[in-house]
Each structure stands twice: as structure tokens, then as C-alpha cells.
């Protein structure tokens, strides 16, 4: 019998007053960034590190209204490398 696969751990990036917040159980407390670009880059680095350790993750990018405007899913693989960042999709408004 095959093992049951757990849902990916969420990594969320969302705007907050004065910057952007990155939330994930992988890093404990929320991280705050001045720019969305820096928050997204950190989310991708965290996702790559988790994938390399075999952890499935999903990066969700939210807009100011709380809608998901971008996502990135990694199934987690010890062979995963820098190419993971290419599996990025933007969602329409």
C-alpha cells in the first residue's frame, strides 16, 4: 500500500501596514519585509530549502484585498534544485 501524502505546508506572503509579511510554520514567527519583492524572494528560498529536505510546500502570494494572486507548489524532493523557482504561476484577478 502507498503512503498517504500530506498536504503541502503553506508559505504565505501578504501586505501589511508598512511592508510585507511572510508567514510559515517553517520559520516560526512571521517575517516582515519592506518590499514585496524581498518577501517573495525569501518565500522562494524557504520553499527551495524545504523541498531539498523532502518537504512539500505551497507559496501563496496575496494582494491587499487578501486574494491569492500567485502560487508556487513544490512536492518536495531531495533532487530538487534551483529550477523549482520556474514553476511559478500568476492567477488572474
N, C-alpha and C. Protein backbone atom coordinates (compact mmCIF):
# COMPACT_ATOMS: atom_id res chain seq x y z
N UNK A 1 0.84 -1.19 0.00
CA UNK A 1 0.00 0.00 0.00
C UNK A 1 0.87 1.24 0.00
N UNK A 2 0.44 2.25 -0.75
CA UNK A 2 1.18 3.50 -0.80
C UNK A 2 0.89 4.34 0.42
N UNK A 3 1.89 5.14 0.83
CA UNK A 3 1.71 6.03 1.97
C UNK A 3 0.82 7.21 1.61
N UNK A 4 0.15 7.72 2.61
CA UNK A 4 -0.71 8.89 2.41
C UNK A 4 0.14 10.15 2.36
N UNK A 5 -0.01 10.96 1.35
CA UNK A 5 0.77 12.18 1.19
C UNK A 5 0.07 13.33 1.91
N UNK A 6 0.80 14.02 2.76
CA UNK A 6 0.24 15.16 3.48
C UNK A 6 0.11 16.36 2.55
N UNK A 7 -0.85 17.26 2.82
CA UNK A 7 -0.95 18.47 2.01
C UNK A 7 0.30 19.32 2.21
N UNK A 8 0.65 20.13 1.21
CA UNK A 8 1.85 20.96 1.35
C UNK A 8 1.70 21.99 2.47
N UNK A 9 2.81 22.28 3.12
CA UNK A 9 2.82 23.33 4.15
C UNK A 9 2.71 24.69 3.46
N UNK A 10 1.83 25.57 3.93
CA UNK A 10 1.69 26.88 3.28
C UNK A 10 2.80 27.85 3.72
N UNK A 11 3.24 28.63 2.76
CA UNK A 11 4.12 29.78 2.99
C UNK A 11 3.37 30.95 2.37
N UNK A 12 2.92 31.90 3.17
CA UNK A 12 2.09 32.99 2.66
C UNK A 12 2.83 34.31 2.72
N UNK A 13 2.68 35.09 1.65
CA UNK A 13 3.21 36.46 1.58
C UNK A 13 2.01 37.38 1.39
N UNK A 14 1.88 38.37 2.27
CA UNK A 14 0.74 39.29 2.20
C UNK A 14 1.17 40.67 2.66
N UNK A 15 0.54 41.71 2.09
CA UNK A 15 0.86 43.07 2.52
C UNK A 15 0.35 43.35 3.92
N UNK A 16 1.09 44.15 4.65
CA UNK A 16 0.70 44.65 5.97
C UNK A 16 1.07 46.12 6.01
N UNK A 17 0.62 46.83 7.02
CA UNK A 17 0.95 48.26 7.14
C UNK A 17 2.47 48.42 7.15
N UNK A 18 3.00 49.16 6.20
CA UNK A 18 4.42 49.45 6.16
C UNK A 18 5.30 48.39 5.53
N UNK A 19 4.72 47.35 4.94
CA UNK A 19 5.56 46.33 4.32
C UNK A 19 4.82 45.08 3.92
N UNK A 20 5.55 43.97 3.97
CA UNK A 20 5.01 42.67 3.57
C UNK A 20 5.37 41.63 4.62
N UNK A 21 4.45 40.70 4.88
CA UNK A 21 4.64 39.67 5.89
C UNK A 21 4.78 38.31 5.22
N UNK A 22 5.74 37.53 5.69
CA UNK A 22 5.90 36.14 5.27
C UNK A 22 5.55 35.28 6.47
N UNK A 23 4.55 34.41 6.32
CA UNK A 23 4.09 33.52 7.39
C UNK A 23 4.32 32.07 6.98
N UNK A 24 4.92 31.29 7.86
CA UNK A 24 5.06 29.86 7.64
C UNK A 24 5.46 29.19 8.94
N UNK A 25 4.93 27.99 9.16
CA UNK A 25 5.37 27.21 10.32
C UNK A 25 6.85 26.84 10.19
N UNK A 26 7.38 26.87 8.98
CA UNK A 26 8.78 26.52 8.76
C UNK A 26 9.75 27.51 9.39
N UNK A 27 9.31 28.77 9.55
CA UNK A 27 10.22 29.77 10.12
C UNK A 27 9.73 30.30 11.46
N UNK A 28 8.68 29.71 12.01
CA UNK A 28 8.20 30.12 13.33
C UNK A 28 7.42 31.42 13.27
N UNK A 29 8.01 32.48 13.77
CA UNK A 29 7.34 33.79 13.80
C UNK A 29 7.26 34.40 12.41
N UNK A 30 6.25 35.26 12.17
CA UNK A 30 6.17 35.95 10.87
C UNK A 30 7.40 36.83 10.65
N UNK A 31 7.81 36.93 9.39
CA UNK A 31 8.91 37.81 9.00
C UNK A 31 8.33 39.01 8.27
N UNK A 32 8.85 40.20 8.54
CA UNK A 32 8.35 41.42 7.90
C UNK A 32 9.43 41.98 6.98
N UNK A 33 9.02 42.40 5.79
CA UNK A 33 9.92 42.95 4.78
C UNK A 33 9.40 44.30 4.33
N UNK A 34 10.29 45.16 3.90
CA UNK A 34 9.87 46.46 3.37
C UNK A 34 9.25 46.34 1.99
N UNK A 35 9.72 45.37 1.19
CA UNK A 35 9.19 45.24 -0.16
C UNK A 35 8.60 43.87 -0.40
N UNK A 36 7.63 43.83 -1.29
CA UNK A 36 7.03 42.56 -1.68
C UNK A 36 8.04 41.68 -2.39
N UNK A 37 8.92 42.28 -3.16
CA UNK A 37 9.95 41.53 -3.89
C UNK A 37 10.84 40.76 -2.92
N UNK A 38 11.27 41.43 -1.85
CA UNK A 38 12.12 40.78 -0.86
C UNK A 38 11.37 39.65 -0.14
N UNK A 39 10.09 39.88 0.18
CA UNK A 39 9.29 38.86 0.85
C UNK A 39 9.11 37.64 -0.06
N UNK A 40 8.81 37.87 -1.34
CA UNK A 40 8.64 36.77 -2.28
C UNK A 40 9.95 36.00 -2.48
N UNK A 41 11.05 36.72 -2.58
CA UNK A 41 12.35 36.06 -2.75
C UNK A 41 12.66 35.17 -1.54
N UNK A 42 12.37 35.65 -0.35
CA UNK A 42 12.59 34.84 0.85
C UNK A 42 11.66 33.63 0.89
N UNK A 43 10.42 33.82 0.44
CA UNK A 43 9.48 32.70 0.38
C UNK A 43 9.99 31.61 -0.56
N UNK A 44 10.54 32.02 -1.70
CA UNK A 44 11.08 31.05 -2.65
C UNK A 44 12.32 30.35 -2.10
N UNK A 45 13.18 31.07 -1.40
CA UNK A 45 14.35 30.44 -0.79
C UNK A 45 13.91 29.42 0.26
N UNK A 46 12.92 29.80 1.06
CA UNK A 46 12.40 28.89 2.09
C UNK A 46 11.78 27.65 1.43
N UNK A 47 11.05 27.84 0.34
CA UNK A 47 10.44 26.72 -0.38
C UNK A 47 11.50 25.79 -0.95
N UNK A 48 12.56 26.35 -1.53
CA UNK A 48 13.63 25.52 -2.08
C UNK A 48 14.32 24.72 -0.98
N UNK A 49 14.60 25.36 0.14
CA UNK A 49 15.24 24.66 1.26
C UNK A 49 14.35 23.53 1.78
N UNK A 50 13.05 23.79 1.88
CA UNK A 50 12.11 22.76 2.34
C UNK A 50 12.05 21.61 1.34
N UNK A 51 12.03 21.95 0.04
CA UNK A 51 11.98 20.92 -1.00
C UNK A 51 13.22 20.03 -0.95
N UNK A 52 14.37 20.64 -0.72
CA UNK A 52 15.61 19.87 -0.65
C UNK A 52 15.61 18.90 0.53
N UNK A 53 14.84 19.23 1.56
CA UNK A 53 14.75 18.32 2.71
C UNK A 53 13.57 17.36 2.57
N UNK A 54 12.87 17.42 1.41
CA UNK A 54 11.77 16.49 1.15
C UNK A 54 10.40 16.98 1.57
N UNK A 55 10.29 18.21 2.02
CA UNK A 55 9.02 18.77 2.50
C UNK A 55 8.22 19.37 1.34
N UNK A 56 6.95 19.03 1.22
CA UNK A 56 6.08 19.63 0.22
C UNK A 56 5.58 20.98 0.76
N UNK A 57 5.67 22.02 -0.06
CA UNK A 57 5.25 23.36 0.35
C UNK A 57 4.47 24.04 -0.77
N UNK A 58 3.68 25.04 -0.37
CA UNK A 58 2.95 25.87 -1.33
C UNK A 58 3.14 27.33 -0.92
N UNK A 59 3.70 28.11 -1.83
CA UNK A 59 3.84 29.55 -1.61
C UNK A 59 2.59 30.22 -2.18
N UNK A 60 1.96 31.06 -1.36
CA UNK A 60 0.77 31.81 -1.77
C UNK A 60 1.07 33.29 -1.63
N UNK A 61 0.84 34.05 -2.69
CA UNK A 61 1.04 35.50 -2.68
C UNK A 61 -0.34 36.15 -2.70
N UNK A 62 -0.59 37.00 -1.72
CA UNK A 62 -1.90 37.67 -1.61
C UNK A 62 -1.78 39.15 -1.93
N UNK A 63 -2.87 39.72 -2.45
CA UNK A 63 -2.89 41.16 -2.70
C UNK A 63 -3.49 41.87 -1.48
N UNK A 64 -3.69 43.17 -1.59
CA UNK A 64 -4.17 43.95 -0.45
C UNK A 64 -5.60 43.60 -0.02
N UNK A 65 -6.36 42.97 -0.91
CA UNK A 65 -7.71 42.53 -0.55
C UNK A 65 -7.72 41.11 -0.01
N UNK A 66 -6.56 40.47 0.08
CA UNK A 66 -6.48 39.11 0.60
C UNK A 66 -6.65 38.02 -0.44
N UNK A 67 -6.82 38.41 -1.71
CA UNK A 67 -6.96 37.43 -2.78
C UNK A 67 -5.61 36.81 -3.12
N UNK A 68 -5.62 35.54 -3.48
CA UNK A 68 -4.39 34.88 -3.94
C UNK A 68 -4.14 35.30 -5.38
N UNK A 69 -3.00 35.94 -5.63
CA UNK A 69 -2.67 36.42 -6.96
C UNK A 69 -1.50 35.65 -7.58
N UNK A 70 -0.86 34.80 -6.81
CA UNK A 70 0.21 33.97 -7.32
C UNK A 70 0.42 32.77 -6.43
N UNK A 71 0.90 31.68 -7.02
CA UNK A 71 1.16 30.50 -6.21
C UNK A 71 2.31 29.70 -6.80
N UNK A 72 2.91 28.90 -5.97
CA UNK A 72 4.05 28.07 -6.33
C UNK A 72 3.96 26.82 -5.47
N UNK A 73 3.98 25.65 -6.07
CA UNK A 73 3.88 24.41 -5.30
C UNK A 73 5.11 23.56 -5.56
N UNK A 74 5.67 23.02 -4.49
CA UNK A 74 6.78 22.08 -4.58
C UNK A 74 6.37 20.81 -3.86
N UNK A 75 6.49 19.69 -4.54
CA UNK A 75 6.14 18.40 -3.94
C UNK A 75 7.20 17.96 -2.93
N UNK A 76 8.38 18.54 -3.00
CA UNK A 76 9.45 18.14 -2.10
C UNK A 76 10.23 16.98 -2.68
N UNK A 77 11.52 17.19 -2.87
CA UNK A 77 12.36 16.17 -3.46
C UNK A 77 13.79 16.44 -3.08
N UNK A 78 14.51 15.42 -2.69
CA UNK A 78 15.91 15.62 -2.35
C UNK A 78 16.75 15.93 -3.58
N UNK A 79 16.17 15.75 -4.78
CA UNK A 79 16.89 16.09 -6.00
C UNK A 79 16.48 17.45 -6.56
N UNK A 80 15.58 18.13 -5.88
CA UNK A 80 15.10 19.43 -6.35
C UNK A 80 16.24 20.44 -6.31
N UNK A 81 16.23 21.33 -7.27
CA UNK A 81 17.30 22.32 -7.33
C UNK A 81 16.76 23.70 -7.67
N UNK A 82 17.61 24.58 -8.17
CA UNK A 82 17.21 25.96 -8.48
C UNK A 82 16.07 26.06 -9.47
N UNK A 83 15.87 25.06 -10.29
CA UNK A 83 14.80 25.14 -11.29
C UNK A 83 13.40 25.18 -10.66
N UNK A 84 13.28 24.92 -9.37
CA UNK A 84 11.97 24.98 -8.71
C UNK A 84 11.30 26.34 -8.90
N UNK A 85 12.08 27.41 -8.89
CA UNK A 85 11.51 28.75 -9.00
C UNK A 85 10.79 28.96 -10.32
N UNK A 86 11.05 28.13 -11.33
CA UNK A 86 10.41 28.29 -12.62
C UNK A 86 8.97 27.79 -12.63
N UNK A 87 8.56 27.05 -11.62
CA UNK A 87 7.20 26.52 -11.57
C UNK A 87 6.27 27.52 -10.86
N UNK A 88 6.25 28.72 -11.33
CA UNK A 88 5.52 29.82 -10.74
C UNK A 88 4.34 30.16 -11.63
N UNK A 89 3.18 30.39 -11.06
CA UNK A 89 2.04 30.78 -11.87
C UNK A 89 1.32 31.96 -11.23
N UNK A 90 0.97 32.92 -12.03
CA UNK A 90 0.18 34.06 -11.55
C UNK A 90 -1.28 33.78 -11.84
N UNK A 91 -2.10 34.14 -10.90
CA UNK A 91 -3.55 33.96 -11.08
C UNK A 91 -4.15 35.29 -11.48
N UNK A 92 -5.15 35.24 -12.36
CA UNK A 92 -5.84 36.46 -12.79
C UNK A 92 -6.70 37.03 -11.70
N UNK A 93 -6.99 38.30 -11.79
CA UNK A 93 -7.83 38.96 -10.78
C UNK A 93 -9.29 38.74 -11.10
